[in-house]
Amino acid sequence: MTYKTLMVCLQLDRANTALLNIVGGIAERFRASVIGIAACQPMRSLYNDCYVPADLIEQERDEITKNVKAAESEFRTTLQTRVSDIQFRSMMVLDPLCDYVANEARCADLVITNMNRGSLFDQRDVNVGDLIMRVGRPVLIAPPALDALDLDRVVVGWKDTREARRAVVDALPLLKEASRVSVIEIADKGSMVEARQRLEEVVAWLKRHGVAAESFAAAATGEGATQLNAIAAEQKADLIVAGAYGHNRLREWVFGGVTRDILLHSERCALMSDARDLQ
């Protein structure tokens, strides 16, 4: 397994160079092609049947066209000397932006995006949480300030769930490139023996796929996401691999959880997969 086609979500009216540098580095590692994608909702779509003057509609359309052209120019300028096969796609859509990206991702092995939340009134951002749930592909999320993914150290946040299993499979190409991989499970003190047994099996499975990994069972001391991020920081990890939405999504978003904290508070890249629709 490898990544032959990457898809990168570009933000309009904002710089994408840092994210594109990460994409370029990954594409070079795997000799992958890259598809840049930009989408935007017209503001009038947010107001249902309210009247919007025609001149404002035309003005908005011109602004969107200008921003799309700027994003495409930045995409091509940044990647044309690093990637042999690049494509660019854009669309003005009335449906949620993540729906458009998810549909286009049928031809991608890995979707890459900046860390953002998206909102009803922000036409430029794909809601990353929704994208992970709908895209059916692994999603690599990068903090805005990061411009390279070194892959010296990777932390796998293990939980014995379908989502975690899917994420580890999806991350195999990156794990094989890493210098050090740590598979970590945060467990209750009464479940440490079982956790260590699970981790040994995961590490053995990774070894059979050419990944030399180590296991670490940590006793839970509080919020799991905070503890996982602390361990990743201590190990100076460049990437966290984790399953998404292990609980009901609404409950996890409101009350906390690994998914939410990795999306919003991490200082490193995260690869996340959602397996709920897999049979």
Protein backbone atom coordinates (compact mmCIF):
# COMPACT_ATOMS: atom_id res chain seq x y z
CA MET A 1 0.00 0.00 0.00
CA THR A 2 1.15 3.52 -0.81
CA TYR A 3 -0.22 6.96 -1.59
CA LYS A 4 -0.41 7.50 -5.33
CA THR A 5 -2.78 10.48 -5.32
CA LEU A 6 -3.00 13.24 -2.73
CA MET A 7 -5.84 15.75 -2.53
CA VAL A 8 -5.23 19.06 -0.78
CA CYS A 9 -8.04 21.38 0.37
CA LEU A 10 -7.12 24.98 -0.38
CA GLN A 11 -8.56 27.92 1.51
CA LEU A 12 -9.71 30.95 -0.45
CA ASP A 13 -8.49 34.45 0.31
CA ARG A 14 -5.77 33.02 2.56
CA ALA A 15 -2.20 31.81 2.06
CA ASN A 16 -1.82 28.06 1.47
CA THR A 17 1.94 27.93 0.95
CA ALA A 18 2.78 26.26 4.27
CA LEU A 19 0.23 23.51 3.68
CA LEU A 20 1.38 23.06 0.08
CA ASN A 21 4.97 22.63 1.27
CA ILE A 22 3.81 19.74 3.46
CA VAL A 23 1.92 18.28 0.49
CA GLY A 24 4.98 18.66 -1.73
CA GLY A 25 7.15 16.80 0.76
CA ILE A 26 4.71 13.90 1.01
CA ALA A 27 4.29 13.78 -2.78
CA GLU A 28 8.04 13.58 -3.23
CA ARG A 29 8.33 10.73 -0.74
CA PHE A 30 5.72 8.63 -2.54
CA ARG A 31 6.07 10.01 -6.07
CA ALA A 32 2.42 10.86 -5.87
CA SER A 33 0.26 13.08 -8.03
CA VAL A 34 -1.55 15.96 -6.33
CA ILE A 35 -5.05 17.34 -6.84
CA GLY A 36 -5.72 20.80 -5.46
CA ILE A 37 -9.34 21.52 -4.64
CA ALA A 38 -11.05 24.78 -3.76
CA ALA A 39 -14.74 25.29 -3.09
CA CYS A 40 -16.89 28.14 -1.88
CA GLN A 41 -20.52 28.75 -0.99
CA PRO A 42 -22.12 31.93 -2.30
CA MET A 43 -23.25 34.00 0.65
CA ARG A 44 -26.80 34.22 -0.68
CA SER A 45 -27.17 30.45 -0.16
CA LEU A 46 -27.13 31.14 3.56
CA TYR A 47 -30.18 33.36 3.48
CA ASN A 48 -32.77 31.04 1.94
CA ASP A 49 -35.45 33.13 0.20
CA CYS A 50 -34.22 36.55 1.26
CA TYR A 51 -33.75 39.01 -1.61
CA VAL A 52 -30.16 39.85 -2.54
CA PRO A 53 -29.53 42.67 -5.05
CA ALA A 54 -28.19 41.50 -8.41
CA ASP A 55 -25.16 43.80 -8.27
CA LEU A 56 -24.09 42.29 -4.95
CA ILE A 57 -24.42 38.80 -6.40
CA GLU A 58 -22.26 39.77 -9.36
CA GLN A 59 -19.73 41.47 -7.10
CA GLU A 60 -19.51 38.38 -4.92
CA ARG A 61 -19.10 36.11 -7.95
CA ASP A 62 -16.22 38.24 -9.23
CA GLU A 63 -14.55 38.13 -5.82
CA ILE A 64 -14.86 34.36 -5.62
CA THR A 65 -13.46 33.99 -9.14
CA LYS A 66 -10.49 36.17 -8.22
CA ASN A 67 -9.81 34.17 -5.05
CA VAL A 68 -10.05 30.83 -6.86
CA LYS A 69 -7.57 32.01 -9.50
CA ALA A 70 -5.19 33.17 -6.76
CA ALA A 71 -5.44 29.79 -5.00
CA GLU A 72 -4.78 27.95 -8.25
CA SER A 73 -1.78 30.14 -9.02
CA GLU A 74 -0.31 29.54 -5.55
CA PHE A 75 -0.97 25.79 -5.91
CA ARG A 76 0.78 25.54 -9.27
CA THR A 77 3.67 27.83 -8.38
CA THR A 78 4.45 25.97 -5.16
CA LEU A 79 4.21 22.43 -6.53
CA GLN A 80 5.11 22.56 -10.22
CA THR A 81 8.83 21.98 -9.60
CA ARG A 82 8.25 19.25 -7.01
CA VAL A 83 5.39 17.17 -8.43
CA SER A 84 5.19 15.87 -11.99
CA ASP A 85 1.41 15.45 -12.08
CA ILE A 86 -0.79 18.18 -10.61
CA GLN A 87 -4.46 18.99 -11.20
CA PHE A 88 -6.69 21.73 -9.91
CA ARG A 89 -10.45 21.60 -9.33
CA SER A 90 -12.82 24.26 -8.08
CA MET A 91 -16.55 24.73 -7.68
CA MET A 92 -19.08 27.18 -6.32
CA VAL A 93 -21.55 24.98 -4.43
CA LEU A 94 -24.77 25.39 -2.51
CA ASP A 95 -24.33 22.21 -0.47
CA PRO A 96 -21.83 21.96 2.43
CA LEU A 97 -18.24 22.29 1.20
CA CYS A 98 -17.24 18.97 2.75
CA ASP A 99 -19.81 17.19 0.55
CA TYR A 100 -18.12 18.47 -2.59
CA VAL A 101 -14.64 17.56 -1.35
CA ALA A 102 -15.83 14.11 -0.24
CA ASN A 103 -17.29 13.41 -3.68
CA GLU A 104 -14.11 14.50 -5.45
CA ALA A 105 -11.96 12.39 -3.09
CA ARG A 106 -13.10 9.21 -4.86
CA CYS A 107 -9.81 9.34 -6.77
CA ALA A 108 -7.52 10.19 -3.83
CA ASP A 109 -5.62 8.01 -1.38
CA LEU A 110 -5.07 10.74 1.20
CA VAL A 111 -6.81 14.07 1.82
CA ILE A 112 -4.73 16.86 3.36
CA THR A 113 -6.12 19.99 4.96
CA ASN A 114 -5.33 22.72 7.42
CA MET A 115 -6.68 22.54 10.94
CA ASN A 116 -9.86 24.57 11.00
CA ARG A 117 -13.38 24.23 12.29
CA GLY A 118 -15.44 25.84 9.56
CA SER A 119 -18.69 27.58 10.43
CA LEU A 120 -22.04 28.41 8.97
CA PHE A 121 -20.93 31.93 8.08
CA ASP A 122 -17.43 31.11 6.80
CA GLN A 123 -17.63 30.22 3.13
CA ARG A 124 -13.92 29.50 2.81
CA ASP A 125 -13.40 26.64 5.26
CA VAL A 126 -14.30 23.00 4.96
CA ASN A 127 -15.46 21.74 8.36
CA VAL A 128 -12.74 19.20 9.13
CA GLY A 129 -14.84 17.18 11.55
CA ASP A 130 -17.57 16.75 8.96
CA LEU A 131 -15.00 15.97 6.27
CA ILE A 132 -13.49 13.12 8.28
CA MET A 133 -16.93 11.60 8.77
CA ARG A 134 -17.95 11.83 5.11
CA VAL A 135 -14.86 11.49 2.95
CA GLY A 136 -14.17 7.74 3.28
CA ARG A 137 -10.42 8.42 3.07
CA PRO A 138 -7.77 9.14 5.68
CA VAL A 139 -7.42 12.85 6.41
CA LEU A 140 -4.08 14.43 7.31
CA ILE A 141 -4.65 17.62 9.31
CA ALA A 142 -1.87 20.19 9.59
CA PRO A 143 -1.58 23.11 12.03
CA PRO A 144 -1.53 26.45 10.15
CA ALA A 145 1.99 27.36 11.28
CA LEU A 146 3.61 24.08 10.18
CA ASP A 147 5.27 23.88 6.76
CA ALA A 148 6.95 20.44 6.85
CA LEU A 149 6.24 16.91 8.06
CA ASP A 150 9.55 15.34 9.09
CA LEU A 151 8.24 11.90 10.19
CA ASP A 152 11.10 11.34 12.59
CA ARG A 153 8.72 10.21 15.35
CA VAL A 154 5.10 9.11 15.10
CA VAL A 155 2.66 8.38 17.92
CA VAL A 156 -0.27 6.04 17.31
CA GLY A 157 -3.11 6.66 19.75
CA TRP A 158 -4.47 3.14 20.10
CA LYS A 159 -7.98 2.23 21.17
CA ASP A 160 -9.46 -1.18 20.43
CA THR A 161 -12.04 0.21 18.00
CA ARG A 162 -12.74 -0.03 14.29
CA GLU A 163 -11.73 3.61 13.86
CA ALA A 164 -8.27 3.04 15.37
CA ARG A 165 -7.72 -0.11 13.29
CA ARG A 166 -8.71 1.74 10.14
CA ALA A 167 -6.42 4.65 10.97
CA VAL A 168 -3.38 2.41 11.47
CA VAL A 169 -3.99 0.66 8.14
CA ASP A 170 -4.45 4.00 6.39
CA ALA A 171 -1.26 5.37 7.94
CA LEU A 172 0.96 2.42 6.98
CA PRO A 173 2.83 4.28 4.20
CA LEU A 174 3.76 7.06 6.63
CA LEU A 175 4.58 4.64 9.45
CA LYS A 176 7.02 2.81 7.17
CA GLU A 177 8.80 6.11 6.53
CA ALA A 178 9.07 7.05 10.21
CA SER A 179 12.25 6.60 12.21
CA ARG A 180 10.38 5.75 15.40
CA VAL A 181 6.79 4.65 15.96
CA SER A 182 5.18 4.43 19.40
CA VAL A 183 1.81 2.73 19.84
CA ILE A 184 0.19 4.12 22.96
CA GLU A 185 -2.96 3.10 24.78
CA ILE A 186 -4.27 5.07 27.74
CA ALA A 187 -6.12 2.63 29.96
CA ASP A 188 -7.64 2.38 33.41
CA LYS A 189 -5.27 0.99 36.02
CA GLY A 190 -7.36 -2.17 36.27
CA SER A 191 -7.04 -2.82 32.52
CA MET A 192 -3.28 -2.42 32.11
CA VAL A 193 -2.58 -6.13 31.57
CA GLU A 194 -5.17 -6.36 28.79
CA ALA A 195 -3.92 -3.11 27.26
CA ARG A 196 -0.35 -4.40 27.10
CA GLN A 197 -1.53 -7.60 25.43
CA ARG A 198 -3.46 -5.62 22.82
CA LEU A 199 -0.48 -3.39 22.15
CA GLU A 200 1.86 -6.36 21.72
CA GLU A 201 -0.42 -7.73 19.03
CA VAL A 202 -0.61 -4.38 17.25
CA VAL A 203 3.17 -4.00 17.34
CA ALA A 204 3.62 -7.54 16.02
CA TRP A 205 1.17 -6.80 13.20
CA LEU A 206 3.06 -3.63 12.31
CA LYS A 207 6.35 -5.54 12.29
CA ARG A 208 4.92 -7.96 9.72
CA HIS A 209 4.23 -4.91 7.56
CA GLY A 210 7.76 -3.59 7.87
CA VAL A 211 7.18 -1.09 10.68
CA ALA A 212 9.44 -1.32 13.72
CA ALA A 213 7.26 -0.02 16.56
CA GLU A 214 7.30 0.06 20.33
CA SER A 215 4.34 -0.14 22.67
CA PHE A 216 3.47 1.86 25.74
CA ALA A 217 0.45 1.42 28.02
CA ALA A 218 -0.15 4.53 30.10
CA ALA A 219 -2.37 4.61 33.15
CA ALA A 220 -5.16 7.12 32.69
CA THR A 221 -4.71 10.21 34.85
CA GLY A 222 -7.44 12.45 33.47
CA GLU A 223 -8.58 13.60 30.04
CA GLY A 224 -7.26 11.09 27.49
CA ALA A 225 -6.67 13.61 24.72
CA THR A 226 -4.65 15.88 26.99
CA GLN A 227 -2.55 12.94 28.15
CA LEU A 228 -2.00 11.67 24.60
CA ASN A 229 -0.91 15.12 23.42
CA ALA A 230 1.42 15.42 26.43
CA ILE A 231 3.05 12.09 25.57
CA ALA A 232 3.38 13.12 21.92
CA ALA A 233 5.00 16.38 23.00
CA GLU A 234 7.37 14.55 25.35
CA GLN A 235 8.41 12.25 22.52
CA LYS A 236 8.68 15.22 20.13
CA ALA A 237 6.34 13.44 17.73
CA ASP A 238 5.80 14.92 14.29
CA LEU A 239 2.53 13.08 13.71
CA ILE A 240 -0.32 11.56 15.70
CA VAL A 241 -2.34 8.74 14.13
CA ALA A 242 -5.76 8.16 15.65
CA GLY A 243 -9.25 6.92 14.90
CA ALA A 244 -12.00 9.51 14.78
CA TYR A 245 -15.23 9.77 16.75
CA GLY A 246 -15.05 6.74 18.95
CA HIS A 247 -18.25 7.90 20.68
CA ASN A 248 -21.38 9.60 19.45
CA ARG A 249 -20.11 12.64 17.57
CA LEU A 250 -22.35 15.25 19.22
CA ARG A 251 -21.52 13.97 22.69
CA GLU A 252 -17.80 13.94 21.93
CA TRP A 253 -17.82 17.44 20.45
CA VAL A 254 -19.67 18.92 23.41
CA PHE A 255 -17.98 17.08 26.25
CA GLY A 256 -14.52 16.58 24.86
CA GLY A 257 -12.63 13.67 23.38
CA VAL A 258 -9.51 12.74 21.49
CA THR A 259 -10.97 13.70 18.12
CA ARG A 260 -11.96 17.21 19.12
CA ASP A 261 -8.74 17.97 20.95
CA ILE A 262 -6.52 16.67 18.15
CA LEU A 263 -8.48 18.75 15.64
CA LEU A 264 -8.42 21.96 17.61
CA HIS A 265 -5.46 21.99 19.95
CA SER A 266 -2.63 19.91 18.51
CA GLU A 267 0.65 21.52 17.51
CA ARG A 268 1.55 18.66 15.19
CA CYS A 269 0.04 16.92 12.20
CA ALA A 270 -2.63 14.29 12.76
CA LEU A 271 -3.83 11.50 10.49
CA MET A 272 -7.39 10.48 11.29
CA SER A 273 -9.84 7.96 9.85
CA ASP A 274 -13.49 7.24 10.49
CA ALA A 275 -14.60 3.62 9.93
CA ARG A 276 -18.25 3.73 10.93
CA ASP A 277 -19.50 3.10 7.40
CA LEU A 278 -17.15 0.17 6.79
CA GLN A 279 -18.59 -3.31 6.95
